[in-house]
C-alpha atoms as a PDB file:
ATOM      1  CA  MET A   1      -1.212  -5.798  11.254  1.00  0.00           C
ATOM      2  CA  THR A   2      -4.554  -7.266  12.399  1.00  0.00           C
ATOM      3  CA  ALA A   3      -4.690 -11.213  13.299  1.00  0.00           C
ATOM      4  CA  HIS A   4      -3.749 -13.767  10.672  1.00  0.00           C
ATOM      5  CA  ASN A   5      -6.549 -16.380  10.302  1.00  0.00           C
ATOM      6  CA  TRP A   6      -7.000 -20.054   8.568  1.00  0.00           C
ATOM      7  CA  THR A   7     -10.051 -19.567   7.038  1.00  0.00           C
ATOM      8  CA  TYR A   8     -12.100 -22.369   4.953  1.00  0.00           C
ATOM      9  CA  ASP A   9     -13.587 -21.119   1.582  1.00  0.00           C
ATOM     10  CA  ALA A  10     -17.169 -22.140   1.625  1.00  0.00           C
ATOM     11  CA  ASP A  11     -19.824 -21.667  -0.892  1.00  0.00           C
ATOM     12  CA  ILE A  12     -22.069 -19.784   1.437  1.00  0.00           C
ATOM     13  CA  GLY A  13     -20.090 -18.054   4.861  1.00  0.00           C
ATOM     14  CA  VAL A  14     -16.578 -18.534   6.230  1.00  0.00           C
ATOM     15  CA  PHE A  15     -15.546 -20.877   8.506  1.00  0.00           C
ATOM     16  CA  LYS A  16     -12.654 -20.120  11.050  1.00  0.00           C
ATOM     17  CA  ASN A  17     -10.775 -21.746  13.534  1.00  0.00           C
ATOM     18  CA  HIS A  18     -10.385 -19.189  16.231  1.00  0.00           C
ATOM     19  CA  PHE A  19      -8.107 -21.194  18.227  1.00  0.00           C
ATOM     20  CA  MET A  20      -5.484 -21.573  15.302  1.00  0.00           C
ATOM     21  CA  SER A  21      -6.010 -17.888  14.437  1.00  0.00           C
ATOM     22  CA  ASN A  22      -4.664 -16.944  17.847  1.00  0.00           C
ATOM     23  CA  GLU A  23      -1.709 -19.124  17.414  1.00  0.00           C
ATOM     24  CA  LEU A  24      -1.167 -17.649  13.836  1.00  0.00           C
ATOM     25  CA  LEU A  25      -1.133 -13.949  15.427  1.00  0.00           C
ATOM     26  CA  LEU A  26       1.359 -15.225  17.814  1.00  0.00           C
ATOM     27  CA  THR A  27       3.835 -16.884  15.569  1.00  0.00           C
ATOM     28  CA  SER A  28       3.646 -15.346  12.340  1.00  0.00           C
ATOM     29  CA  LEU A  29       3.630 -11.462  13.510  1.00  0.00           C
ATOM     30  CA  GLY A  30       6.114 -12.665  16.247  1.00  0.00           C
ATOM     31  CA  ALA A  31       8.683 -13.615  13.419  1.00  0.00           C
ATOM     32  CA  CYS A  32       8.490 -10.614  11.894  1.00  0.00           C
ATOM     33  CA  LYS A  33      11.219  -8.045  12.692  1.00  0.00           C
ATOM     34  CA  ILE A  34      10.252  -5.097  10.146  1.00  0.00           C
ATOM     35  CA  VAL A  35       6.401  -5.035  10.107  1.00  0.00           C
ATOM     36  CA  PRO A  36       6.337  -4.316  13.938  1.00  0.00           C
ATOM     37  CA  PHE A  37       7.784  -0.666  12.879  1.00  0.00           C
ATOM     38  CA  THR A  38       5.158  -0.134  10.962  1.00  0.00           C
ATOM     39  CA  ARG A  39       1.926   1.682  11.780  1.00  0.00           C
ATOM     40  CA  PRO A  40      -1.540   2.437  10.198  1.00  0.00           C
ATOM     41  CA  PHE A  41      -1.934   5.267   7.960  1.00  0.00           C
ATOM     42  CA  PRO A  42      -3.120   8.092  10.248  1.00  0.00           C
ATOM     43  CA  GLY A  43      -6.712   8.956   9.310  1.00  0.00           C
ATOM     44  CA  VAL A  44      -7.379   6.040   7.124  1.00  0.00           C
ATOM     45  CA  GLY A  45      -9.012   4.092   9.605  1.00  0.00           C
ATOM     46  CA  ASN A  46     -11.413   0.932   8.238  1.00  0.00           C
ATOM     47  CA  THR A  47     -12.776   3.250   5.132  1.00  0.00           C
ATOM     48  CA  VAL A  48     -10.357   0.962   2.864  1.00  0.00           C
ATOM     49  CA  LYS A  49     -12.467  -1.130   0.352  1.00  0.00           C
ATOM     50  CA  GLY A  50     -10.663  -3.051  -1.578  1.00  0.00           C
ATOM     51  CA  LYS A  51      -7.841  -3.745  -4.440  1.00  0.00           C
ATOM     52  CA  GLY A  52      -6.592  -0.892  -6.543  1.00  0.00           C
ATOM     53  CA  GLU A  53      -7.991   1.675  -4.176  1.00  0.00           C
ATOM     54  CA  THR A  54      -5.951   4.839  -4.110  1.00  0.00           C
ATOM     55  CA  ILE A  55      -5.531   6.128  -0.516  1.00  0.00           C
ATOM     56  CA  ASN A  56      -5.169  10.138   0.251  1.00  0.00           C
ATOM     57  CA  ILE A  57      -3.021   9.998   3.319  1.00  0.00           C
ATOM     58  CA  MET A  58      -3.553  14.059   4.488  1.00  0.00           C
ATOM     59  CA  HIS A  59      -1.130  15.822   6.866  1.00  0.00           C
ATOM     60  CA  LEU A  60      -0.866  19.256   8.076  1.00  0.00           C
ATOM     61  CA  GLU A  61       1.832  21.340   6.840  1.00  0.00           C
ATOM     62  CA  GLU A  62       4.204  22.581   9.850  1.00  0.00           C
ATOM     63  CA  LEU A  63       3.252  25.943  11.126  1.00  0.00           C
ATOM     64  CA  ASP A  64       5.534  29.420  10.564  1.00  0.00           C
ATOM     65  CA  ASP A  65       7.230  30.303  13.469  1.00  0.00           C
ATOM     66  CA  PRO A  66       6.911  34.331  13.748  1.00  0.00           C
ATOM     67  CA  THR A  67       9.803  36.709  14.452  1.00  0.00           C
ATOM     68  CA  THR A  68       7.865  37.167  17.834  1.00  0.00           C
ATOM     69  CA  THR A  69       4.457  35.863  19.534  1.00  0.00           C
ATOM     70  CA  GLN A  70       4.304  38.705  21.566  1.00  0.00           C
ATOM     71  CA  LEU A  71       0.975  40.274  22.077  1.00  0.00           C
ATOM     72  CA  SER A  72       0.123  44.012  23.642  1.00  0.00           C
ATOM     73  CA  GLU A  73      -2.750  44.814  25.205  1.00  0.00           C
ATOM     74  CA  ASP A  74      -4.700  46.433  22.043  1.00  0.00           C
ATOM     75  CA  THR A  75      -3.558  43.631  19.619  1.00  0.00           C
ATOM     76  CA  ARG A  76      -5.655  40.632  18.168  1.00  0.00           C
ATOM     77  CA  ILE A  77      -4.070  37.532  18.020  1.00  0.00           C
ATOM     78  CA  PRO A  78      -2.869  37.086  14.708  1.00  0.00           C
ATOM     79  CA  ILE A  79      -4.590  34.137  12.887  1.00  0.00           C
ATOM     80  CA  ASP A  80      -2.426  31.550  10.377  1.00  0.00           C
ATOM     81  CA  LYS A  81      -4.143  29.996   7.525  1.00  0.00           C
ATOM     82  CA  LEU A  82      -4.633  25.901   7.624  1.00  0.00           C
ATOM     83  CA  ASN A  83      -2.100  24.284   4.852  1.00  0.00           C
ATOM     84  CA  LEU A  84      -2.941  20.794   4.108  1.00  0.00           C
ATOM     85  CA  GLY A  85      -0.682  17.938   2.048  1.00  0.00           C
ATOM     86  CA  ASN A  86      -1.249  15.049   0.769  1.00  0.00           C
ATOM     87  CA  ARG A  87       0.094  11.722  -0.406  1.00  0.00           C
ATOM     88  CA  THR A  88      -1.141   8.638  -2.144  1.00  0.00           C
ATOM     89  CA  VAL A  89      -0.878   5.277  -1.852  1.00  0.00           C
ATOM     90  CA  THR A  90      -2.668   2.006  -3.813  1.00  0.00           C
ATOM     91  CA  LEU A  91      -3.675  -1.059  -2.358  1.00  0.00           C
ATOM     92  CA  VAL A  92      -2.398  -4.366  -3.849  1.00  0.00           C
ATOM     93  CA  GLU A  93      -3.266  -7.758  -3.706  1.00  0.00           C
ATOM     94  CA  TRP A  94      -0.528 -10.395  -2.325  1.00  0.00           C
ATOM     95  CA  GLY A  95      -0.797 -14.207  -2.071  1.00  0.00           C
ATOM     96  CA  ARG A  96       0.573 -17.391  -2.660  1.00  0.00           C
ATOM     97  CA  GLY A  97      -0.420 -21.287  -2.467  1.00  0.00           C
ATOM     98  CA  VAL A  98       0.405 -25.036  -2.528  1.00  0.00           C
ATOM     99  CA  GLU A  99      -1.524 -27.908  -3.930  1.00  0.00           C
ATOM    100  CA  TYR A 100      -1.360 -31.500  -2.240  1.00  0.00           C
ATOM    101  CA  LYS A 101      -3.095 -34.517  -3.087  1.00  0.00           C
ATOM    102  CA  ASN A 102      -5.476 -35.888  -0.957  1.00  0.00           C
ATOM    103  CA  LEU A 103      -4.015 -39.568  -1.122  1.00  0.00           C
ATOM    104  CA  ALA A 104      -1.074 -38.140   0.075  1.00  0.00           C
ATOM    105  CA  GLU A 105      -2.735 -36.885   3.223  1.00  0.00           C
ATOM    106  CA  GLN A 106      -4.433 -40.420   3.752  1.00  0.00           C
ATOM    107  CA  LEU A 107      -1.053 -42.557   2.879  1.00  0.00           C
ATOM    108  CA  SER A 108       1.941 -40.434   4.081  1.00  0.00           C
ATOM    109  CA  LYS A 109       3.166 -40.749   7.460  1.00  0.00           C
ATOM    110  CA  PHE A 110       3.968 -37.108   7.416  1.00  0.00           C
ATOM    111  CA  LYS A 111       0.443 -35.582   6.556  1.00  0.00           C
ATOM    112  CA  PRO A 112       0.752 -32.510   4.379  1.00  0.00           C
ATOM    113  CA  SER A 113      -1.896 -30.662   5.919  1.00  0.00           C
ATOM    114  CA  ASP A 114       0.437 -30.786   9.400  1.00  0.00           C
ATOM    115  CA  TYR A 115       3.433 -29.127   7.988  1.00  0.00           C
ATOM    116  CA  LEU A 116       1.981 -26.936   4.961  1.00  0.00           C
ATOM    117  CA  GLN A 117       0.513 -24.629   7.754  1.00  0.00           C
ATOM    118  CA  LYS A 118       3.911 -23.934   9.352  1.00  0.00           C
ATOM    119  CA  ALA A 119       5.652 -23.452   5.621  1.00  0.00           C
ATOM    120  CA  LEU A 120       2.783 -21.038   4.546  1.00  0.00           C
ATOM    121  CA  MET A 121       3.023 -18.998   7.838  1.00  0.00           C
ATOM    122  CA  ARG A 122       6.810 -18.630   7.725  1.00  0.00           C
ATOM    123  CA  GLN A 123       6.555 -17.597   3.695  1.00  0.00           C
ATOM    124  CA  MET A 124       3.674 -15.157   4.646  1.00  0.00           C
ATOM    125  CA  GLU A 125       6.014 -13.558   7.279  1.00  0.00           C
ATOM    126  CA  ARG A 126       8.965 -13.347   4.856  1.00  0.00           C
ATOM    127  CA  ALA A 127       6.720 -11.847   2.246  1.00  0.00           C
ATOM    128  CA  LEU A 128       5.512  -9.410   4.825  1.00  0.00           C
ATOM    129  CA  ASP A 129       8.901  -8.125   5.986  1.00  0.00           C
ATOM    130  CA  THR A 130      10.319  -8.104   2.259  1.00  0.00           C
ATOM    131  CA  THR A 131       7.204  -5.647   1.589  1.00  0.00           C
ATOM    132  CA  ALA A 132       7.518  -3.650   4.692  1.00  0.00           C
ATOM    133  CA  ALA A 133      11.450  -3.028   3.893  1.00  0.00           C
ATOM    134  CA  ALA A 134      10.584  -2.339   0.273  1.00  0.00           C
ATOM    135  CA  ALA A 135       8.615   1.096   1.847  1.00  0.00           C
ATOM    136  CA  PHE A 136      11.698   1.746   3.913  1.00  0.00           C
ATOM    137  CA  LYS A 137      14.169   1.977   1.264  1.00  0.00           C
ATOM    138  CA  HIS A 138      11.676   3.580  -1.570  1.00  0.00           C
ATOM    139  CA  THR A 139      12.693   6.380  -3.715  1.00  0.00           C
ATOM    140  CA  ASP A 140       9.927   8.015  -2.075  1.00  0.00           C
ATOM    141  CA  VAL A 141      12.483   8.109   0.925  1.00  0.00           C
ATOM    142  CA  LYS A 142      14.256  11.294  -0.191  1.00  0.00           C
ATOM    143  CA  ILE A 143      17.428  11.453   2.485  1.00  0.00           C
ATOM    144  CA  CYS A 144      20.371   9.207   1.467  1.00  0.00           C
ATOM    145  CA  PHE A 145      23.618   8.711   3.683  1.00  0.00           C
ATOM    146  CA  ILE A 146      26.764   7.765   1.681  1.00  0.00           C
ATOM    147  CA  PRO A 147      29.809   6.700   4.073  1.00  0.00           C
ATOM    148  CA  THR A 148      32.865   8.099   2.414  1.00  0.00           C
ATOM    149  CA  SER A 149      35.467   8.180   4.968  1.00  0.00           C
ATOM    150  CA  LEU A 150      35.873   6.522   8.479  1.00  0.00           C
ATOM    151  CA  THR A 151      34.195   9.718  10.344  1.00  0.00           C
ATOM    152  CA  GLY A 152      31.877  11.182   7.738  1.00  0.00           C
ATOM    153  CA  GLY A 153      29.727  10.804   4.424  1.00  0.00           C
ATOM    154  CA  THR A 154      27.439  12.486   2.022  1.00  0.00           C
ATOM    155  CA  PHE A 155      24.101  13.486   2.300  1.00  0.00           C
ATOM    156  CA  ASP A 156      21.378  13.218  -0.708  1.00  0.00           C
ATOM    157  CA  THR A 157      18.071  14.736  -0.609  1.00  0.00           C
ATOM    158  CA  ASP A 158      16.813  13.554  -4.037  1.00  0.00           C
ATOM    159  CA  GLY A 159      16.410  10.004  -3.262  1.00  0.00           C
ATOM    160  CA  THR A 160      18.811   8.744  -5.222  1.00  0.00           C
ATOM    161  CA  PRO A 161      22.394   8.330  -3.934  1.00  0.00           C
ATOM    162  CA  SER A 162      25.118  10.057  -6.280  1.00  0.00           C
ATOM    163  CA  SER A 163      27.956   8.562  -5.081  1.00  0.00           C
ATOM    164  CA  THR A 164      29.830   4.875  -3.905  1.00  0.00           C
ATOM    165  CA  ALA A 165      30.314   4.283  -0.305  1.00  0.00           C
ATOM    166  CA  THR A 166      34.278   3.968   0.509  1.00  0.00           C
ATOM    167  CA  ALA A 167      33.787   3.064   4.064  1.00  0.00           C
ATOM    168  CA  ASN A 168      31.526   0.914   6.210  1.00  0.00           C
ATOM    169  CA  LEU A 169      29.652   2.273   9.021  1.00  0.00           C
ATOM    170  CA  THR A 170      31.471   3.545  12.084  1.00  0.00           C
ATOM    171  CA  PHE A 171      30.347   4.834  15.548  1.00  0.00           C
ATOM    172  CA  ASP A 172      31.483   8.570  14.081  1.00  0.00           C
ATOM    173  CA  HIS A 173      28.909   7.925  11.344  1.00  0.00           C
ATOM    174  CA  MET A 174      26.196   7.174  13.998  1.00  0.00           C
ATOM    175  CA  GLY A 175      27.259  10.454  15.652  1.00  0.00           C
ATOM    176  CA  VAL A 176      26.499  12.332  12.240  1.00  0.00           C
ATOM    177  CA  LEU A 177      23.047  10.442  11.900  1.00  0.00           C
ATOM    178  CA  ALA A 178      21.879  11.164  15.318  1.00  0.00           C
ATOM    179  CA  ASP A 179      22.707  14.810  14.798  1.00  0.00           C
ATOM    180  CA  TYR A 180      21.235  14.919  11.468  1.00  0.00           C
ATOM    181  CA  ILE A 181      18.041  13.174  12.432  1.00  0.00           C
ATOM    182  CA  ALA A 182      17.172  15.098  15.557  1.00  0.00           C
ATOM    183  CA  GLY A 183      18.742  18.788  14.573  1.00  0.00           C
ATOM    184  CA  ASN A 184      18.202  18.986  11.164  1.00  0.00           C
ATOM    185  CA  ILE A 185      15.416  17.322   9.959  1.00  0.00           C
ATOM    186  CA  HIS A 186      13.875  17.378  13.383  1.00  0.00           C
ATOM    187  CA  THR A 187      12.134  13.935  13.249  1.00  0.00           C
ATOM    188  CA  GLN A 188      10.538  12.729  16.511  1.00  0.00           C
ATOM    189  CA  PRO A 189      12.052   9.376  18.190  1.00  0.00           C
ATOM    190  CA  PHE A 190      10.382   6.193  17.661  1.00  0.00           C
ATOM    191  CA  GLU A 191      10.562   4.992  21.326  1.00  0.00           C
ATOM    192  CA  GLY A 192      11.520   7.277  24.158  1.00  0.00           C
ATOM    193  CA  ASP A 193      14.057   9.465  23.219  1.00  0.00           C
ATOM    194  CA  ASP A 194      16.053   6.496  20.882  1.00  0.00           C
ATOM    195  CA  TYR A 195      15.885   6.341  17.018  1.00  0.00           C
ATOM    196  CA  ILE A 196      15.707   2.984  15.501  1.00  0.00           C
ATOM    197  CA  MET A 197      18.157   1.171  12.964  1.00  0.00           C
ATOM    198  CA  LEU A 198      17.372  -1.982  11.000  1.00  0.00           C
ATOM    199  CA  SER A 199      20.579  -3.128   9.129  1.00  0.00           C
ATOM    200  CA  CYS A 200      22.307  -6.103   7.496  1.00  0.00           C
ATOM    201  CA  ARG A 201      25.035  -7.917   9.444  1.00  0.00           C
ATOM    202  CA  LYS A 202      27.873  -6.089   7.082  1.00  0.00           C
ATOM    203  CA  THR A 203      27.047  -2.506   8.283  1.00  0.00           C
ATOM    204  CA  LEU A 204      26.676  -3.740  11.830  1.00  0.00           C
ATOM    205  CA  ARG A 205      30.251  -5.272  11.968  1.00  0.00           C
ATOM    206  CA  GLY A 206      32.413  -2.401  12.515  1.00  0.00           C
ATOM    207  CA  LEU A 207      29.799  -0.721  15.082  1.00  0.00           C
ATOM    208  CA  LYS A 208      30.145  -4.108  16.977  1.00  0.00           C
ATOM    209  CA  GLN A 209      33.552  -4.141  17.687  1.00  0.00           C
ATOM    210  CA  ASP A 210      33.710  -0.202  18.884  1.00  0.00           C
ATOM    211  CA  THR A 211      34.399   0.235  22.335  1.00  0.00           C
ATOM    212  CA  LEU A 212      31.501   2.996  22.479  1.00  0.00           C
ATOM    213  CA  TRP A 213      29.200  -0.242  21.220  1.00  0.00           C
ATOM    214  CA  GLN A 214      26.266  -0.811  23.916  1.00  0.00           C
ATOM    215  CA  ASN A 215      24.878  -4.346  24.366  1.00  0.00           C
ATOM    216  CA  VAL A 216      21.179  -4.721  24.743  1.00  0.00           C
ATOM    217  CA  HIS A 217      21.822  -5.431  28.749  1.00  0.00           C
ATOM    218  CA  LEU A 218      23.059  -1.964  29.028  1.00  0.00           C
ATOM    219  CA  TYR A 219      20.823   0.253  28.407  1.00  0.00           C
ATOM    220  CA  LEU A 220      17.486  -1.778  28.958  1.00  0.00           C
ATOM    221  CA  GLN A 221      15.674  -2.191  32.217  1.00  0.00           C
ATOM    222  CA  LYS A 222      13.522  -4.489  33.676  1.00  0.00           C
ATOM    223  CA  GLY A 223      10.348  -4.110  32.035  1.00  0.00           C
ATOM    224  CA  ASP A 224      11.551  -2.221  28.845  1.00  0.00           C
ATOM    225  CA  LEU A 225      10.495  -3.139  25.302  1.00  0.00           C
ATOM    226  CA  PHE A 226      12.966  -5.649  23.764  1.00  0.00           C
ATOM    227  CA  PHE A 227      12.564  -5.518  19.548  1.00  0.00           C
ATOM    228  CA  LYS A 228      12.980  -8.825  17.905  1.00  0.00           C
ATOM    229  CA  GLY A 229      16.773  -8.847  16.472  1.00  0.00           C
ATOM    230  CA  GLU A 230      17.830  -6.078  18.348  1.00  0.00           C
ATOM    231  CA  VAL A 231      21.639  -6.393  19.178  1.00  0.00           C
ATOM    232  CA  GLY A 232      22.819  -3.016  20.771  1.00  0.00           C
ATOM    233  CA  LYS A 233      22.633   0.619  20.620  1.00  0.00           C
ATOM    234  CA  ALA A 234      25.114   3.206  19.321  1.00  0.00           C
ATOM    235  CA  GLU A 235      24.249   7.072  20.322  1.00  0.00           C
ATOM    236  CA  ASN A 236      20.234   6.964  20.570  1.00  0.00           C
ATOM    237  CA  ILE A 237      20.011   4.853  17.983  1.00  0.00           C
ATOM    238  CA  ARG A 238      18.741   1.253  18.981  1.00  0.00           C
ATOM    239  CA  CYS A 239      19.862  -1.286  16.236  1.00  0.00           C
ATOM    240  CA  ILE A 240      18.135  -4.427  14.684  1.00  0.00           C
ATOM    241  CA  GLN A 241      20.048  -6.926  12.841  1.00  0.00           C
ATOM    242  CA  VAL A 242      17.920  -8.213   9.619  1.00  0.00           C
ATOM    243  CA  ASP A 243      19.729 -11.153   8.407  1.00  0.00           C
ATOM    244  CA  ARG A 244      17.673 -11.969   5.193  1.00  0.00           C
ATOM    245  CA  GLU A 245      19.069 -10.014   2.501  1.00  0.00           C
ATOM    246  CA  ALA A 246      15.826 -10.167   0.323  1.00  0.00           C
ATOM    247  CA  ALA A 247      14.553  -7.647   2.884  1.00  0.00           C
ATOM    248  CA  ILE A 248      18.010  -5.738   3.768  1.00  0.00           C
ATOM    249  CA  SER A 249      20.910  -6.413   1.641  1.00  0.00           C
ATOM    250  CA  ASN A 250      24.088  -7.153   2.619  1.00  0.00           C
ATOM    251  CA  THR A 251      25.431  -5.173  -0.308  1.00  0.00           C
ATOM    252  CA  ALA A 252      24.491  -1.583  -1.060  1.00  0.00           C
ATOM    253  CA  GLY A 253      24.769  -0.495  -4.706  1.00  0.00           C
ATOM    254  CA  ALA A 254      28.149  -1.045  -6.276  1.00  0.00           C
ATOM    255  CA  SER A 255      29.915  -0.743  -2.878  1.00  0.00           C
ATOM    256  CA  THR A 256      32.036  -3.538  -1.731  1.00  0.00           C
ATOM    257  CA  VAL A 257      32.437  -2.338   2.059  1.00  0.00           C
ATOM    258  CA  LEU A 258      28.853  -1.261   2.900  1.00  0.00           C
ATOM    259  CA  GLY A 259      25.167  -3.082   3.164  1.00  0.00           C
ATOM    260  CA  GLU A 260      21.922  -1.573   3.371  1.00  0.00           C
ATOM    261  CA  ALA A 261      20.469   0.095   6.771  1.00  0.00           C
ATOM    262  CA  ILE A 262      17.838   2.337   7.750  1.00  0.00           C
ATOM    263  CA  VAL A 263      17.690   4.780  10.439  1.00  0.00           C
ATOM    264  CA  PHE A 264      13.957   6.126  11.559  1.00  0.00           C
ATOM    265  CA  GLY A 265      12.020   7.735  14.136  1.00  0.00           C
ATOM    266  CA  ASP A 266       7.918   8.271  14.146  1.00  0.00           C
ATOM    267  CA  GLU A 267       5.975   8.268  11.519  1.00  0.00           C
ATOM    268  CA  ALA A 268       8.084   6.420   9.260  1.00  0.00           C
ATOM    269  CA  VAL A 269       6.474   3.739   7.103  1.00  0.00           C
ATOM    270  CA  GLY A 270       2.363   3.130   7.387  1.00  0.00           C
ATOM    271  CA  TYR A 271       0.022   0.397   5.968  1.00  0.00           C
ATOM    272  CA  ALA A 272      -3.449   0.182   5.213  1.00  0.00           C
ATOM    273  CA  GLU A 273      -5.615  -2.702   4.698  1.00  0.00           C
ATOM    274  CA  ALA A 274      -8.515  -3.729   2.660  1.00  0.00           C
ATOM    275  CA  GLU A 275      -8.351  -7.661   4.100  1.00  0.00           C
ATOM    276  CA  SER A 276      -5.643  -8.467   6.235  1.00  0.00           C
ATOM    277  CA  PRO A 277      -3.063 -11.475   5.153  1.00  0.00           C
ATOM    278  CA  GLN A 278      -5.020 -14.790   6.004  1.00  0.00           C
ATOM    279  CA  LEU A 279      -4.621 -18.277   5.518  1.00  0.00           C
ATOM    280  CA  TYR A 280      -7.057 -20.271   3.283  1.00  0.00           C
ATOM    281  CA  ALA A 281      -7.794 -23.987   2.635  1.00  0.00           C
ATOM    282  CA  ASN A 282      -9.687 -25.086  -0.252  1.00  0.00           C
ATOM    283  CA  PRO A 283     -10.557 -29.205   0.186  1.00  0.00           C
ATOM    284  CA  ASN A 284     -11.624 -29.232  -3.565  1.00  0.00           C
ATOM    285  CA  TYR A 285      -9.004 -27.278  -5.415  1.00  0.00           C
ATOM    286  CA  GLN A 286      -9.822 -28.801  -8.838  1.00  0.00           C
ATOM    287  CA  ASP A 287     -13.203 -30.037  -8.448  1.00  0.00           C
ATOM    288  CA  ASP A 288     -12.270 -33.832  -8.444  1.00  0.00           C
ATOM    289  CA  PHE A 289     -14.029 -34.942  -5.528  1.00  0.00           C
ATOM    290  CA  GLY A 290     -11.620 -33.839  -2.970  1.00  0.00           C
ATOM    291  CA  ARG A 291      -8.717 -35.683  -4.689  1.00  0.00           C
ATOM    292  CA  SER A 292      -6.736 -32.266  -5.134  1.00  0.00           C
ATOM    293  CA  LYS A 293      -6.222 -29.862  -2.079  1.00  0.00           C
ATOM    294  CA  ALA A 294      -4.587 -26.382  -1.761  1.00  0.00           C
ATOM    295  CA  VAL A 295      -3.655 -23.963   0.883  1.00  0.00           C
ATOM    296  CA  ALA A 296      -2.717 -20.506   0.457  1.00  0.00           C
ATOM    297  CA  TRP A 297      -2.171 -17.190   1.755  1.00  0.00           C
ATOM    298  CA  ARG A 298      -3.824 -13.927   0.631  1.00  0.00           C
ATOM    299  CA  GLY A 299      -4.334 -10.165   1.377  1.00  0.00           C
ATOM    300  CA  ILE A 300      -4.843  -6.718   0.117  1.00  0.00           C
ATOM    301  CA  TYR A 301      -2.649  -4.268   1.631  1.00  0.00           C
ATOM    302  CA  VAL A 302      -0.136  -1.545   1.185  1.00  0.00           C
ATOM    303  CA  TYR A 303       2.851  -0.223   3.089  1.00  0.00           C
ATOM    304  CA  GLY A 304       4.643   2.955   2.174  1.00  0.00           C
ATOM    305  CA  SER A 305       6.357   5.782   3.768  1.00  0.00           C
ATOM    306  CA  VAL A 306       3.937   8.463   5.471  1.00  0.00           C
ATOM    307  CA  TRP A 307       6.241  11.140   4.028  1.00  0.00           C
ATOM    308  CA  ALA A 308       7.680  11.397   0.686  1.00  0.00           C
ATOM    309  CA  SER A 309       9.923  15.140   1.200  1.00  0.00           C
ATOM    310  CA  ALA A 310      13.398  15.693   2.375  1.00  0.00           C
ATOM    311  CA  ASP A 311      12.194  18.707   4.052  1.00  0.00           C
ATOM    312  CA  ASP A 312      12.698  19.569   7.660  1.00  0.00           C
ATOM    313  CA  GLY A 313       9.905  18.459  10.198  1.00  0.00           C
ATOM    314  CA  LYS A 314       8.746  15.857   7.019  1.00  0.00           C
ATOM    315  CA  ALA A 315      11.520  13.687   6.562  1.00  0.00           C
ATOM    316  CA  LYS A 316      11.437  10.891   9.051  1.00  0.00           C
ATOM    317  CA  ILE A 317      14.074   8.464   7.399  1.00  0.00           C
ATOM    318  CA  ILE A 318      17.653   8.342   6.544  1.00  0.00           C
ATOM    319  CA  ARG A 319      18.475   5.367   3.910  1.00  0.00           C
ATOM    320  CA  ILE A 320      22.138   4.603   4.333  1.00  0.00           C
ATOM    321  CA  THR A 321      23.313   3.156   0.945  1.00  0.00           C
ATOM    322  CA  SER A 322      25.446   3.506  -2.180  1.00  0.00           C
ATOM    323  CA  ALA A 323      25.352   4.544  -5.761  1.00  0.00           C
END
């Protein structure tokens, strides 16, 4: 998403500390593990106006493959009709703030204005990651994989897992997932030839102990992109560990052996903004001659899966989960 700014509300106009804005961009976005895997919704651009607006995400339906594309000399080129699909998402306002007293600012050894900024940055980072994670795990993501043995499992394609997972994820499962996402639903890889998995600790534990597990230094070369939280690779799926359970839970449904995880390729989750997340300061929060102050962050944005289908060529995400 775009840069976070510390902004001062004024009666007329807005004052911004641009040096602080640069710092916030580096620290807040750099702390997120899930947000970097989202992309702007295609075709939305800067047309978004405000809270409550519904955005139409248009996409081209895949062209059918004819029996043959061969032409004869007297045959005109056959022309197929253009078919468009549509998906809607609605912008929502988000935010949170903290109040402090001018007396504390003047007399305390530790100034509230010094540490509240960092606390709000950390809260905003967690909120963004949690919101992005919810889009990856939403029932709009139709394909679910439930491990039911050490080597296999069940695929559900209606967005709701139908059975309880009885095994944790293994390297054999990663092969099943890699084959399914590339060969069954033909999802384009996220980076190069690789797909991405966001996972909790429990789900990754069995993979890390497998002899086929590749540590990061074995496959990344100098100059390659390293994702925050990346811990290794199985098959052609790069794995990112997310330790915060509010985003990716260490428990999946009623299962006692599996936690949440998501495998995805390109065009997985998108976002749109009417107002990018920013930090605001109000030096006269309750109009008491500057005695009560407040700082807050707020933004108007939405995260959502780009597609809401289990069809071949449309589905881009597989949820590893349990009923």
